[in-house]
C-alpha atoms as a PDB file:
ATOM      1  CA  MET A   1       0.000   0.000   0.000  1.00  0.00           C
ATOM      2  CA  MET A   2       2.820   2.454   0.808  1.00  0.00           C
ATOM      3  CA  GLN A   3       4.222   1.917  -2.701  1.00  0.00           C
ATOM      4  CA  ASP A   4       0.879   3.044  -4.145  1.00  0.00           C
ATOM      5  CA  ILE A   5       0.972   6.177  -1.958  1.00  0.00           C
ATOM      6  CA  LEU A   6       4.531   6.970  -3.073  1.00  0.00           C
ATOM      7  CA  GLU A   7       3.552   6.531  -6.729  1.00  0.00           C
ATOM      8  CA  LYS A   8       0.661   8.972  -6.274  1.00  0.00           C
ATOM      9  CA  ALA A   9       2.902  11.386  -4.340  1.00  0.00           C
ATOM     10  CA  ALA A  10       5.524  11.332  -7.098  1.00  0.00           C
ATOM     11  CA  GLN A  11       2.987  12.928  -9.484  1.00  0.00           C
ATOM     12  CA  ILE A  12       2.021  15.807  -7.186  1.00  0.00           C
ATOM     13  CA  ARG A  13       2.696  19.353  -8.413  1.00  0.00           C
ATOM     14  CA  LEU A  14       0.409  21.183  -5.944  1.00  0.00           C
ATOM     15  CA  VAL A  15      -0.306  20.491  -2.272  1.00  0.00           C
ATOM     16  CA  ILE A  16      -3.347  22.211  -0.786  1.00  0.00           C
ATOM     17  CA  PHE A  17      -3.786  22.541   2.964  1.00  0.00           C
ATOM     18  CA  ASP A  18      -6.816  23.428   5.034  1.00  0.00           C
ATOM     19  CA  VAL A  19      -5.900  25.728   7.943  1.00  0.00           C
ATOM     20  CA  ASP A  20      -7.997  25.127  11.080  1.00  0.00           C
ATOM     21  CA  GLY A  21      -7.354  21.590  12.274  1.00  0.00           C
ATOM     22  CA  VAL A  22      -4.535  20.996   9.757  1.00  0.00           C
ATOM     23  CA  LEU A  23      -2.036  23.846  10.040  1.00  0.00           C
ATOM     24  CA  THR A  24      -3.382  24.571  13.531  1.00  0.00           C
ATOM     25  CA  ASP A  25      -4.770  22.261  16.197  1.00  0.00           C
ATOM     26  CA  GLY A  26      -8.238  23.573  15.433  1.00  0.00           C
ATOM     27  CA  SER A  27      -8.488  25.807  18.486  1.00  0.00           C
ATOM     28  CA  LEU A  28      -9.838  29.287  17.858  1.00  0.00           C
ATOM     29  CA  TYR A  29      -8.550  31.926  20.263  1.00  0.00           C
ATOM     30  CA  LEU A  30     -10.659  35.086  20.258  1.00  0.00           C
ATOM     31  CA  GLY A  31      -9.749  38.220  22.205  1.00  0.00           C
ATOM     32  CA  ASP A  32     -12.283  40.545  23.817  1.00  0.00           C
ATOM     33  CA  ASP A  33     -11.798  42.845  20.835  1.00  0.00           C
ATOM     34  CA  GLY A  34     -12.752  40.059  18.408  1.00  0.00           C
ATOM     35  CA  GLN A  35      -9.147  39.578  17.276  1.00  0.00           C
ATOM     36  CA  GLU A  36      -8.444  35.985  16.271  1.00  0.00           C
ATOM     37  CA  TYR A  37      -5.240  34.185  17.242  1.00  0.00           C
ATOM     38  CA  LYS A  38      -3.877  30.911  15.899  1.00  0.00           C
ATOM     39  CA  ALA A  39      -0.809  28.842  16.709  1.00  0.00           C
ATOM     40  CA  PHE A  40       1.188  27.359  13.836  1.00  0.00           C
ATOM     41  CA  HIS A  41       3.934  24.743  14.199  1.00  0.00           C
ATOM     42  CA  SER A  42       7.304  26.092  13.066  1.00  0.00           C
ATOM     43  CA  ARG A  43       8.400  22.736  11.613  1.00  0.00           C
ATOM     44  CA  ASP A  44       5.278  22.651   9.448  1.00  0.00           C
ATOM     45  CA  GLY A  45       6.265  26.032   8.055  1.00  0.00           C
ATOM     46  CA  HIS A  46       9.805  24.936   7.329  1.00  0.00           C
ATOM     47  CA  GLY A  47       8.542  21.792   5.613  1.00  0.00           C
ATOM     48  CA  MET A  48       6.332  23.968   3.422  1.00  0.00           C
ATOM     49  CA  LYS A  49       9.317  26.158   2.501  1.00  0.00           C
ATOM     50  CA  MET A  50      11.394  23.092   1.586  1.00  0.00           C
ATOM     51  CA  LEU A  51       8.539  21.666  -0.489  1.00  0.00           C
ATOM     52  CA  GLN A  52       8.247  24.920  -2.415  1.00  0.00           C
ATOM     53  CA  ALA A  53      12.024  25.003  -2.917  1.00  0.00           C
ATOM     54  CA  SER A  54      11.775  21.516  -4.407  1.00  0.00           C
ATOM     55  CA  GLY A  55       9.386  22.813  -7.078  1.00  0.00           C
ATOM     56  CA  VAL A  56       5.962  21.918  -5.665  1.00  0.00           C
ATOM     57  CA  GLU A  57       3.334  24.663  -5.384  1.00  0.00           C
ATOM     58  CA  ILE A  58       1.385  25.127  -2.155  1.00  0.00           C
ATOM     59  CA  GLY A  59      -2.162  26.382  -1.816  1.00  0.00           C
ATOM     60  CA  ILE A  60      -4.451  27.144   1.090  1.00  0.00           C
ATOM     61  CA  ILE A  61      -8.223  26.761   1.052  1.00  0.00           C
ATOM     62  CA  THR A  62      -9.960  27.622   4.310  1.00  0.00           C
ATOM     63  CA  GLY A  63     -13.530  28.313   5.318  1.00  0.00           C
ATOM     64  CA  ARG A  64     -12.616  31.088   7.739  1.00  0.00           C
ATOM     65  CA  THR A  65     -11.110  34.478   6.975  1.00  0.00           C
ATOM     66  CA  SER A  66      -8.301  35.682   9.187  1.00  0.00           C
ATOM     67  CA  GLN A  67      -5.538  38.271   8.951  1.00  0.00           C
ATOM     68  CA  VAL A  68      -3.247  35.957  10.908  1.00  0.00           C
ATOM     69  CA  VAL A  69      -3.544  33.381   8.106  1.00  0.00           C
ATOM     70  CA  LYS A  70      -2.648  36.039   5.550  1.00  0.00           C
ATOM     71  CA  HIS A  71       0.395  37.067   7.599  1.00  0.00           C
ATOM     72  CA  ARG A  72       1.565  33.476   8.106  1.00  0.00           C
ATOM     73  CA  MET A  73       1.165  32.530   4.443  1.00  0.00           C
ATOM     74  CA  ASP A  74       2.913  35.738   3.332  1.00  0.00           C
ATOM     75  CA  SER A  75       5.836  34.863   5.621  1.00  0.00           C
ATOM     76  CA  LEU A  76       6.064  31.423   3.979  1.00  0.00           C
ATOM     77  CA  GLY A  77       5.841  32.803   0.449  1.00  0.00           C
ATOM     78  CA  ILE A  78       2.561  31.016  -0.254  1.00  0.00           C
ATOM     79  CA  ARG A  79       0.741  32.893  -3.018  1.00  0.00           C
ATOM     80  CA  HIS A  80      -2.345  30.737  -3.538  1.00  0.00           C
ATOM     81  CA  VAL A  81      -4.501  31.563  -0.516  1.00  0.00           C
ATOM     82  CA  TYR A  82      -8.277  31.203  -0.621  1.00  0.00           C
ATOM     83  CA  GLN A  83     -10.026  32.328   2.574  1.00  0.00           C
ATOM     84  CA  GLY A  84     -13.723  32.445   3.439  1.00  0.00           C
ATOM     85  CA  LYS A  85     -14.486  29.476   1.199  1.00  0.00           C
ATOM     86  CA  LEU A  86     -17.272  27.573   2.930  1.00  0.00           C
ATOM     87  CA  GLU A  87     -17.592  25.535  -0.271  1.00  0.00           C
ATOM     88  CA  LYS A  88     -14.024  24.534  -1.087  1.00  0.00           C
ATOM     89  CA  LEU A  89     -14.555  22.749  -4.395  1.00  0.00           C
ATOM     90  CA  PRO A  90     -15.008  25.928  -6.510  1.00  0.00           C
ATOM     91  CA  ALA A  91     -11.750  27.357  -5.089  1.00  0.00           C
ATOM     92  CA  PHE A  92     -10.000  24.058  -5.860  1.00  0.00           C
ATOM     93  CA  GLU A  93     -11.275  24.091  -9.451  1.00  0.00           C
ATOM     94  CA  GLU A  94     -10.258  27.743  -9.893  1.00  0.00           C
ATOM     95  CA  LEU A  95      -6.759  27.056  -8.566  1.00  0.00           C
ATOM     96  CA  ILE A  96      -6.019  23.999 -10.701  1.00  0.00           C
ATOM     97  CA  ALA A  97      -7.325  25.809 -13.792  1.00  0.00           C
ATOM     98  CA  LYS A  98      -5.094  28.789 -12.989  1.00  0.00           C
ATOM     99  CA  LEU A  99      -2.057  26.502 -12.632  1.00  0.00           C
ATOM    100  CA  GLY A 100      -2.982  24.260 -15.574  1.00  0.00           C
ATOM    101  CA  LEU A 101      -3.033  21.105 -13.456  1.00  0.00           C
ATOM    102  CA  ALA A 102      -5.159  17.976 -13.536  1.00  0.00           C
ATOM    103  CA  PRO A 103      -6.736  16.698 -10.296  1.00  0.00           C
ATOM    104  CA  HIS A 104      -4.342  13.702 -10.172  1.00  0.00           C
ATOM    105  CA  GLN A 105      -1.431  16.161  -9.829  1.00  0.00           C
ATOM    106  CA  VAL A 106      -2.872  17.613  -6.615  1.00  0.00           C
ATOM    107  CA  ALA A 107      -2.729  16.534  -2.974  1.00  0.00           C
ATOM    108  CA  TYR A 108      -5.112  17.902  -0.360  1.00  0.00           C
ATOM    109  CA  THR A 109      -4.726  17.692   3.410  1.00  0.00           C
ATOM    110  CA  GLY A 110      -7.885  17.945   5.486  1.00  0.00           C
ATOM    111  CA  ASP A 111      -9.327  17.164   8.876  1.00  0.00           C
ATOM    112  CA  ASP A 112     -13.099  17.606   8.739  1.00  0.00           C
ATOM    113  CA  VAL A 113     -16.072  16.704   6.567  1.00  0.00           C
ATOM    114  CA  VAL A 114     -16.027  20.086   4.781  1.00  0.00           C
ATOM    115  CA  ASP A 115     -12.761  18.913   3.186  1.00  0.00           C
ATOM    116  CA  LEU A 116     -14.251  15.760   1.664  1.00  0.00           C
ATOM    117  CA  PRO A 117     -15.524  17.233  -1.647  1.00  0.00           C
ATOM    118  CA  VAL A 118     -11.964  18.258  -2.559  1.00  0.00           C
ATOM    119  CA  MET A 119     -10.325  15.179  -1.026  1.00  0.00           C
ATOM    120  CA  ARG A 120     -12.512  12.957  -3.196  1.00  0.00           C
ATOM    121  CA  ARG A 121     -11.334  14.745  -6.371  1.00  0.00           C
ATOM    122  CA  VAL A 122      -7.561  14.896  -5.911  1.00  0.00           C
ATOM    123  CA  GLY A 123      -4.880  12.374  -6.780  1.00  0.00           C
ATOM    124  CA  LEU A 124      -3.653  12.144  -3.183  1.00  0.00           C
ATOM    125  CA  ALA A 125      -6.050  12.694  -0.272  1.00  0.00           C
ATOM    126  CA  LEU A 126      -4.285  13.190   3.062  1.00  0.00           C
ATOM    127  CA  ALA A 127      -5.541  13.527   6.624  1.00  0.00           C
ATOM    128  CA  VAL A 128      -4.118  14.555   9.969  1.00  0.00           C
ATOM    129  CA  GLN A 129      -4.061  11.959  12.765  1.00  0.00           C
ATOM    130  CA  ASP A 130      -6.892  13.615  14.699  1.00  0.00           C
ATOM    131  CA  ALA A 131      -9.164  14.046  11.660  1.00  0.00           C
ATOM    132  CA  HIS A 132     -12.848  13.157  11.710  1.00  0.00           C
ATOM    133  CA  PRO A 133     -13.322   9.386  11.172  1.00  0.00           C
ATOM    134  CA  LEU A 134     -15.084   9.901   7.823  1.00  0.00           C
ATOM    135  CA  VAL A 135     -12.158  11.995   6.584  1.00  0.00           C
ATOM    136  CA  LYS A 136      -9.727   9.262   7.629  1.00  0.00           C
ATOM    137  CA  GLN A 137     -11.867   6.719   5.801  1.00  0.00           C
ATOM    138  CA  HIS A 138     -11.496   8.688   2.551  1.00  0.00           C
ATOM    139  CA  ALA A 139      -7.792   9.515   2.942  1.00  0.00           C
ATOM    140  CA  HIS A 140      -5.136   7.668   0.983  1.00  0.00           C
ATOM    141  CA  TRP A 141      -2.632   8.404   3.781  1.00  0.00           C
ATOM    142  CA  ILE A 142      -2.900   9.630   7.383  1.00  0.00           C
ATOM    143  CA  SER A 143      -0.126  11.522   9.144  1.00  0.00           C
ATOM    144  CA  GLU A 144       1.084  10.164  12.464  1.00  0.00           C
ATOM    145  CA  HIS A 145       0.788  13.724  13.833  1.00  0.00           C
ATOM    146  CA  GLY A 146      -2.251  15.833  14.579  1.00  0.00           C
ATOM    147  CA  GLY A 147      -3.211  19.141  13.069  1.00  0.00           C
ATOM    148  CA  GLY A 148      -0.886  21.942  14.105  1.00  0.00           C
ATOM    149  CA  ARG A 149       1.495  19.377  15.582  1.00  0.00           C
ATOM    150  CA  GLY A 150       3.695  18.411  12.645  1.00  0.00           C
ATOM    151  CA  ALA A 151       1.195  16.841  10.237  1.00  0.00           C
ATOM    152  CA  ALA A 152       1.949  19.357   7.485  1.00  0.00           C
ATOM    153  CA  ARG A 153       5.669  18.610   7.804  1.00  0.00           C
ATOM    154  CA  ASP A 154       4.880  14.897   7.440  1.00  0.00           C
ATOM    155  CA  VAL A 155       2.935  15.654   4.247  1.00  0.00           C
ATOM    156  CA  CYS A 156       5.753  17.775   2.814  1.00  0.00           C
ATOM    157  CA  GLU A 157       8.374  15.127   3.563  1.00  0.00           C
ATOM    158  CA  LEU A 158       6.183  12.373   2.095  1.00  0.00           C
ATOM    159  CA  ILE A 159       5.907  14.287  -1.191  1.00  0.00           C
ATOM    160  CA  MET A 160       9.626  15.149  -1.286  1.00  0.00           C
ATOM    161  CA  ARG A 161      10.622  11.556  -0.440  1.00  0.00           C
ATOM    162  CA  ALA A 162       8.446  10.240  -3.277  1.00  0.00           C
ATOM    163  CA  GLN A 163       9.907  12.774  -5.700  1.00  0.00           C
ATOM    164  CA  GLY A 164      13.499  12.169  -4.632  1.00  0.00           C
ATOM    165  CA  THR A 165      14.039  15.747  -3.414  1.00  0.00           C
ATOM    166  CA  LEU A 166      14.048  15.304   0.372  1.00  0.00           C
ATOM    167  CA  ASP A 167      17.740  14.439   0.736  1.00  0.00           C
ATOM    168  CA  ALA A 168      18.744  17.473  -1.335  1.00  0.00           C
ATOM    169  CA  GLN A 169      16.602  19.741   0.831  1.00  0.00           C
ATOM    170  CA  LEU A 170      18.105  18.329   4.034  1.00  0.00           C
ATOM    171  CA  GLN A 171      21.677  18.219   2.743  1.00  0.00           C
ATOM    172  CA  HIS A 172      21.975  21.977   3.112  1.00  0.00           C
ATOM    173  CA  TYR A 173      21.768  21.549   6.890  1.00  0.00           C
ATOM    174  CA  LEU A 174      24.400  18.809   6.993  1.00  0.00           C
ATOM    175  CA  ALA A 175      27.105  20.676   5.083  1.00  0.00           C
END
């Protein structure tokens, strides 16, 4: 089964992540002033930078709209950010058309049932360890880590390993 996952991962040219529950642990911190706060795992961010450096595009499709997401994605150099998308499939279709990709060239990482319409269309459907059971049922691969706790890094390294780019990305730190 892992060989099948690696074969699918080798074809990926775009990885799309949900935010709440995938890049964060799903907690929503709201201040008295209505300001929203989120915690992101630094290793997830570095994995995303390495994946981009290896030639794979990254996109974000999230149902919520938050300035903190914009700031975090800007800091990671992620250009394809779709916020406030309660229905994620139209954003997915717009993004792959913009990039000229077929669904089999896309991976999507989700955690909840709102992610299923996109997960069921992509070539590689991924889930975080603490995803909803129905999401896990429809995932090709499940990270050993939860959302906001290293799952995105696992996804990035899976794709780079399958494409033979992981060692080159890590070699920089061993020189």
